[in-house]
Amino acid sequence: MLNYNSAAALRTFLDQEGLGMQKKFGQNFLINPKIRQTLVEALGAKSGDEVWEIGPGLGAMTALLLEKSFSVKAFEIDLGFIRVLKKLFAEENRFELIEGDVLKTWQQETPAPFLLGNLPYNVAATLLANFIEKGCVFSRMVVTVQKEVALRMTAAAGSKDYSSFSVLCASVYNTKPLMTITPSSFFPQPNVDSMGVLLEKKLPVKNGEPSEYPEYPKVFYPLVRSLFAARRKTVKNNLFSFLLSRKQVFSQGKPLTDEMTREMCTAILEENGIKENQRAENMGIDEFLSLAKTLENMRIYR
């Protein structure tokens, strides 16, 4: 088995296998064994549970997951790493490798309760948003991402890092930063700090009983993104732009004029107790949901 804790050993192995690190895939191996152990333990999975692993690389986390008797479905895009993984875990009947771009392949698979991933910096936010918006919600996710992304994931309303991505994550998960991971914990070393983040699923509404998060209208996520699109604009101005961008907005069969749309914005905000000069960065998730429900109830969005 490879020495996953040594940058020199990994470099030698890569040279022997004729492999190189591809910058476009954002490849950085986590060589700190204590951090790997902490991340796996934070997952909270039990022996026999199925875990999705995103970006296994040469299999450092994979080996640890299998050692703990989890069933692992790993998603890898690098053809060289795929070849190595097949060889290293050929005898493991609890290991399944899904080849290709995870953004394109995951939807063909049945989601597992748990996900672990040292996510490439260039696709981390896109992948997590993709999961959430398409209704793929894990019981627990533990991901390593660029610290800047992690701060946005865990930010509260009114803070400088609060964004549409913050609302997206908070819509279905309780998020918690686990630890900051310095560049020296990786090979090759990235130029920025990383952070491990725990995302634990909130309980959905069932049979009309109140719970931690509701079923969101289809318009919810597009609306949130639009209200954050121009951070310096007020929520009224961003809502106005959002309504104008939708061809479904009609008044007695005729398209609404700009003036009619502005009046509609004022009425919608008043109904939801939101000030016209407020900005999205100071709005909580309940306010976004309330606006989305109003639009849905008006049958503007179906």
Protein backbone atom coordinates (compact mmCIF):
# COMPACT_ATOMS: atom_id res chain seq x y z
CA MET A 1 0.00 0.00 0.00
CA LEU A 2 1.11 3.53 -0.74
CA ASN A 3 2.55 5.80 1.93
CA TYR A 4 -0.14 8.47 1.78
CA ASN A 5 1.55 10.56 4.45
CA SER A 6 4.71 11.39 2.47
CA ALA A 7 4.89 13.91 -0.34
CA ALA A 8 8.18 12.33 -1.47
CA ALA A 9 6.65 8.85 -1.60
CA LEU A 10 3.68 10.09 -3.60
CA ARG A 11 5.93 11.99 -5.98
CA THR A 12 8.01 8.85 -6.55
CA PHE A 13 4.90 6.75 -7.14
CA LEU A 14 3.51 9.25 -9.64
CA ASP A 15 6.81 9.23 -11.54
CA GLN A 16 6.89 5.41 -11.58
CA GLU A 17 3.34 5.26 -12.91
CA GLY A 18 3.96 7.98 -15.48
CA LEU A 19 1.33 10.21 -13.90
CA GLY A 20 1.22 13.96 -13.45
CA MET A 21 -0.95 16.35 -11.49
CA GLN A 22 -3.49 18.11 -13.67
CA LYS A 23 -4.19 21.66 -12.57
CA LYS A 24 -7.54 21.71 -14.39
CA PHE A 25 -8.82 19.03 -11.97
CA GLY A 26 -7.64 20.91 -8.87
CA GLN A 27 -5.68 17.92 -7.56
CA ASN A 28 -4.12 18.16 -4.10
CA PHE A 29 -3.55 15.06 -1.92
CA LEU A 30 -4.26 15.36 1.79
CA ILE A 31 -1.10 13.93 3.39
CA ASN A 32 -1.91 14.71 7.03
CA PRO A 33 -3.18 11.42 8.55
CA LYS A 34 -4.70 13.06 11.66
CA ILE A 35 -6.84 15.35 9.52
CA ARG A 36 -7.94 12.47 7.30
CA GLN A 37 -8.98 10.54 10.42
CA THR A 38 -10.86 13.54 11.84
CA LEU A 39 -12.78 14.07 8.61
CA VAL A 40 -13.86 10.44 8.40
CA GLU A 41 -14.92 10.37 12.05
CA ALA A 42 -16.98 13.55 11.55
CA LEU A 43 -18.95 11.71 8.88
CA GLY A 44 -20.67 9.70 11.61
CA ALA A 45 -21.16 6.63 9.42
CA LYS A 46 -21.29 3.12 10.84
CA SER A 47 -19.88 -0.18 9.63
CA GLY A 48 -21.71 -1.29 6.50
CA ASP A 49 -22.99 2.20 5.57
CA GLU A 50 -22.55 3.37 1.98
CA VAL A 51 -20.42 6.45 1.40
CA TRP A 52 -19.95 8.44 -1.75
CA GLU A 53 -16.41 9.72 -2.16
CA ILE A 54 -15.73 12.58 -4.56
CA GLY A 55 -12.23 12.79 -6.01
CA PRO A 56 -10.45 9.82 -4.39
CA GLY A 57 -7.20 10.59 -6.20
CA LEU A 58 -4.78 7.80 -5.28
CA GLY A 59 -7.06 6.42 -2.58
CA ALA A 60 -5.85 7.80 0.77
CA MET A 61 -9.35 8.48 2.10
CA THR A 62 -10.71 5.47 0.24
CA ALA A 63 -8.38 3.13 2.11
CA LEU A 64 -9.44 4.63 5.43
CA LEU A 65 -13.15 4.32 4.59
CA LEU A 66 -12.74 0.69 3.60
CA GLU A 67 -10.69 0.01 6.72
CA LYS A 68 -13.74 1.13 8.71
CA SER A 69 -15.94 -1.35 6.78
CA PHE A 70 -17.92 1.24 4.81
CA SER A 71 -19.13 0.55 1.28
CA VAL A 72 -17.51 3.14 -0.98
CA LYS A 73 -18.71 4.48 -4.30
CA ALA A 74 -15.93 6.72 -5.59
CA PHE A 75 -16.22 9.27 -8.41
CA GLU A 76 -12.98 10.00 -10.28
CA ILE A 77 -12.33 11.88 -13.52
CA ASP A 78 -8.55 11.41 -13.98
CA LEU A 79 -7.83 8.43 -16.26
CA GLY A 80 -4.43 7.80 -14.67
CA PHE A 81 -5.84 7.77 -11.16
CA ILE A 82 -8.69 5.52 -12.31
CA ARG A 83 -6.12 2.99 -13.50
CA VAL A 84 -4.30 3.13 -10.14
CA LEU A 85 -7.49 2.87 -8.08
CA LYS A 86 -8.63 -0.20 -10.00
CA LYS A 87 -5.31 -1.85 -9.27
CA LEU A 88 -5.08 -0.84 -5.61
CA PHE A 89 -8.62 -1.88 -4.69
CA ALA A 90 -9.16 -4.74 -7.11
CA GLU A 91 -9.86 -7.19 -4.29
CA GLU A 92 -12.29 -4.95 -2.42
CA ASN A 93 -15.89 -6.01 -3.06
CA ARG A 94 -17.13 -2.98 -1.09
CA PHE A 95 -15.49 -0.58 -3.53
CA GLU A 96 -17.15 0.72 -6.71
CA LEU A 97 -15.54 3.23 -9.04
CA ILE A 98 -17.61 5.61 -11.17
CA GLU A 99 -15.50 6.99 -13.99
CA GLY A 100 -15.88 10.46 -15.46
CA ASP A 101 -16.96 13.95 -14.45
CA VAL A 102 -19.03 13.68 -11.27
CA LEU A 103 -21.15 16.64 -12.40
CA LYS A 104 -22.36 14.42 -15.23
CA THR A 105 -22.29 10.95 -13.66
CA TRP A 106 -23.84 11.30 -10.19
CA GLN A 107 -27.43 11.56 -11.42
CA GLN A 108 -27.28 8.02 -12.77
CA GLU A 109 -26.50 6.67 -9.29
CA THR A 110 -28.69 6.04 -6.24
CA PRO A 111 -27.57 8.54 -3.57
CA ALA A 112 -25.91 7.18 -0.44
CA PRO A 113 -26.65 8.49 3.07
CA PHE A 114 -23.13 9.92 3.42
CA LEU A 115 -20.69 11.87 1.25
CA LEU A 116 -17.00 12.59 1.80
CA GLY A 117 -14.91 14.66 -0.55
CA ASN A 118 -11.70 16.62 -0.89
CA LEU A 119 -13.43 18.72 -3.50
CA PRO A 120 -11.53 20.38 -6.35
CA TYR A 121 -11.59 24.12 -5.77
CA ASN A 122 -12.85 24.86 -9.27
CA VAL A 123 -16.06 22.79 -9.01
CA ALA A 124 -16.84 22.60 -5.27
CA ALA A 125 -19.58 25.24 -5.12
CA THR A 126 -21.07 24.15 -8.45
CA LEU A 127 -21.24 20.50 -7.38
CA LEU A 128 -22.80 21.21 -3.97
CA ALA A 129 -25.36 23.55 -5.53
CA ASN A 130 -26.10 20.91 -8.15
CA PHE A 131 -26.84 18.33 -5.46
CA ILE A 132 -29.10 20.64 -3.45
CA GLU A 133 -31.10 22.11 -6.32
CA LYS A 134 -31.77 18.68 -7.79
CA GLY A 135 -32.97 17.33 -4.44
CA CYS A 136 -30.00 15.07 -3.68
CA VAL A 137 -29.65 15.63 0.07
CA PHE A 138 -27.29 13.48 2.14
CA SER A 139 -27.74 12.68 5.82
CA ARG A 140 -24.23 13.99 6.35
CA MET A 141 -21.56 15.47 4.14
CA VAL A 142 -17.98 16.18 5.13
CA VAL A 143 -16.13 18.16 2.49
CA THR A 144 -12.77 19.86 2.22
CA VAL A 145 -12.98 23.06 0.21
CA GLN A 146 -11.12 26.32 -0.25
CA LYS A 147 -11.52 28.36 2.94
CA GLU A 148 -13.19 31.18 1.04
CA VAL A 149 -15.88 28.75 -0.15
CA ALA A 150 -16.28 27.28 3.34
CA LEU A 151 -16.86 30.73 4.84
CA ARG A 152 -19.62 31.35 2.31
CA MET A 153 -21.16 27.95 3.07
CA THR A 154 -21.36 28.64 6.80
CA ALA A 155 -22.04 32.40 6.79
CA ALA A 156 -25.00 33.93 8.64
CA ALA A 157 -27.24 36.73 7.36
CA GLY A 158 -25.63 40.13 7.70
CA SER A 159 -22.03 38.87 7.60
CA LYS A 160 -19.60 39.82 4.84
CA ASP A 161 -19.42 36.24 3.50
CA TYR A 162 -23.21 35.76 3.30
CA SER A 163 -24.31 34.98 -0.25
CA SER A 164 -26.84 33.06 -2.29
CA PHE A 165 -24.64 30.01 -1.73
CA SER A 166 -25.01 30.48 2.03
CA VAL A 167 -28.80 30.44 1.66
CA LEU A 168 -28.60 27.43 -0.65
CA CYS A 169 -26.65 25.39 1.91
CA ALA A 170 -28.77 26.57 4.85
CA SER A 171 -31.97 25.63 3.05
CA VAL A 172 -31.40 21.93 3.72
CA TYR A 173 -28.30 21.62 5.95
CA ASN A 174 -26.98 22.73 9.29
CA THR A 175 -23.40 23.69 8.42
CA LYS A 176 -20.42 23.63 10.75
CA PRO A 177 -16.73 24.41 10.10
CA LEU A 178 -14.54 21.55 11.38
CA MET A 179 -11.02 22.87 11.00
CA THR A 180 -8.78 25.11 8.92
CA ILE A 181 -6.29 23.07 6.89
CA THR A 182 -3.02 24.78 5.99
CA PRO A 183 -1.29 24.27 2.62
CA SER A 184 1.44 22.14 4.25
CA SER A 185 -1.13 19.39 4.81
CA PHE A 186 -1.38 18.84 1.06
CA PHE A 187 0.78 17.66 -1.80
CA PRO A 188 1.24 19.66 -3.91
CA GLN A 189 0.66 22.61 -1.62
CA PRO A 190 -2.17 24.93 -2.70
CA ASN A 191 -1.78 28.68 -2.50
CA VAL A 192 -4.59 29.16 0.01
CA ASP A 193 -5.94 27.63 3.21
CA SER A 194 -8.62 24.98 3.02
CA MET A 195 -11.34 24.08 5.49
CA GLY A 196 -13.20 20.94 6.44
CA VAL A 197 -16.96 21.50 6.68
CA LEU A 198 -19.73 19.30 8.10
CA LEU A 199 -23.18 19.55 6.53
CA GLU A 200 -25.91 17.73 8.45
CA LYS A 201 -29.33 17.35 6.89
CA LYS A 202 -32.23 19.20 8.44
CA LEU A 203 -35.48 17.30 8.80
CA PRO A 204 -38.06 18.01 6.07
CA VAL A 205 -41.72 18.71 6.65
CA LYS A 206 -43.76 15.49 6.67
CA ASN A 207 -47.55 15.24 6.51
CA GLY A 208 -47.87 18.94 7.18
CA GLU A 209 -46.16 18.74 10.56
CA PRO A 210 -43.68 21.56 11.32
CA SER A 211 -40.02 20.68 11.08
CA GLU A 212 -36.66 22.23 10.30
CA TYR A 213 -37.12 22.98 6.61
CA PRO A 214 -40.12 23.05 4.27
CA GLU A 215 -40.65 22.00 0.72
CA TYR A 216 -39.36 24.90 -1.33
CA PRO A 217 -41.27 26.32 -4.31
CA LYS A 218 -39.55 25.86 -7.66
CA VAL A 219 -38.95 29.58 -7.82
CA PHE A 220 -37.06 29.67 -4.49
CA TYR A 221 -33.48 29.03 -5.69
CA PRO A 222 -33.70 31.17 -8.87
CA LEU A 223 -35.21 33.97 -6.78
CA VAL A 224 -32.42 33.82 -4.18
CA ARG A 225 -29.73 33.95 -6.85
CA SER A 226 -31.43 36.90 -8.51
CA LEU A 227 -31.81 38.87 -5.28
CA PHE A 228 -28.06 38.50 -4.66
CA ALA A 229 -27.11 39.17 -8.30
CA ALA A 230 -26.36 42.85 -7.69
CA ARG A 231 -25.38 43.12 -4.02
CA ARG A 232 -25.41 46.92 -3.96
CA LYS A 233 -28.96 47.10 -5.26
CA THR A 234 -31.95 47.01 -2.95
CA VAL A 235 -34.16 43.96 -2.79
CA LYS A 236 -36.88 45.93 -4.60
CA ASN A 237 -34.63 46.68 -7.56
CA ASN A 238 -33.39 43.10 -7.79
CA LEU A 239 -36.94 41.76 -7.48
CA PHE A 240 -38.00 44.14 -10.25
CA SER A 241 -35.26 42.79 -12.54
CA PHE A 242 -36.23 39.24 -11.64
CA LEU A 243 -39.91 39.77 -12.51
CA LEU A 244 -39.04 41.46 -15.80
CA SER A 245 -36.80 38.55 -16.78
CA ARG A 246 -39.72 36.11 -16.58
CA LYS A 247 -42.03 35.85 -19.57
CA GLN A 248 -44.68 34.21 -17.37
CA VAL A 249 -45.59 37.58 -15.82
CA PHE A 250 -48.88 38.78 -17.27
CA SER A 251 -51.72 41.09 -16.29
CA GLN A 252 -55.09 40.13 -17.81
CA GLY A 253 -53.29 38.40 -20.65
CA LYS A 254 -50.99 41.33 -21.41
CA PRO A 255 -47.33 41.80 -20.44
CA LEU A 256 -46.85 44.04 -17.43
CA THR A 257 -45.40 47.51 -17.95
CA ASP A 258 -42.37 48.63 -15.95
CA GLU A 259 -44.58 50.81 -13.75
CA MET A 260 -47.02 47.97 -13.07
CA THR A 261 -44.12 45.68 -12.21
CA ARG A 262 -42.67 48.23 -9.76
CA GLU A 263 -46.08 48.52 -8.08
CA MET A 264 -46.22 44.73 -7.86
CA CYS A 265 -42.78 44.68 -6.21
CA THR A 266 -43.93 47.18 -3.60
CA ALA A 267 -47.06 45.15 -2.86
CA ILE A 268 -45.14 41.86 -2.59
CA LEU A 269 -42.56 43.33 -0.22
CA GLU A 270 -45.24 44.98 1.94
CA GLU A 271 -47.14 41.71 2.18
CA ASN A 272 -43.99 40.00 3.49
CA GLY A 273 -42.92 42.79 5.83
CA ILE A 274 -39.71 43.49 3.93
CA LYS A 275 -38.49 47.07 3.50
CA GLU A 276 -37.94 48.25 -0.07
CA ASN A 277 -34.43 49.53 0.70
CA GLN A 278 -33.33 46.28 2.37
CA ARG A 279 -30.58 44.22 0.74
CA ALA A 280 -30.47 40.47 0.25
CA GLU A 281 -27.33 40.17 2.37
CA ASN A 282 -29.41 41.09 5.44
CA MET A 283 -32.33 38.76 4.75
CA GLY A 284 -32.82 35.45 6.52
CA ILE A 285 -33.89 32.25 4.80
CA ASP A 286 -37.48 32.63 6.09
CA GLU A 287 -37.83 35.93 4.25
CA PHE A 288 -36.62 34.43 0.97
CA LEU A 289 -39.05 31.55 1.44
CA SER A 290 -41.92 33.91 2.19
CA LEU A 291 -41.26 35.86 -1.03
CA ALA A 292 -41.07 32.65 -3.05
CA LYS A 293 -44.37 31.42 -1.63
CA THR A 294 -46.02 34.72 -2.47
CA LEU A 295 -44.91 34.44 -6.09
CA GLU A 296 -46.08 30.85 -6.20
CA ASN A 297 -49.48 31.73 -4.71
CA MET A 298 -49.91 34.53 -7.24
CA ARG A 299 -49.55 31.81 -9.90
CA ILE A 300 -46.84 33.88 -11.52
CA TYR A 301 -44.53 30.89 -11.27
CA ARG A 302 -45.73 27.34 -11.75
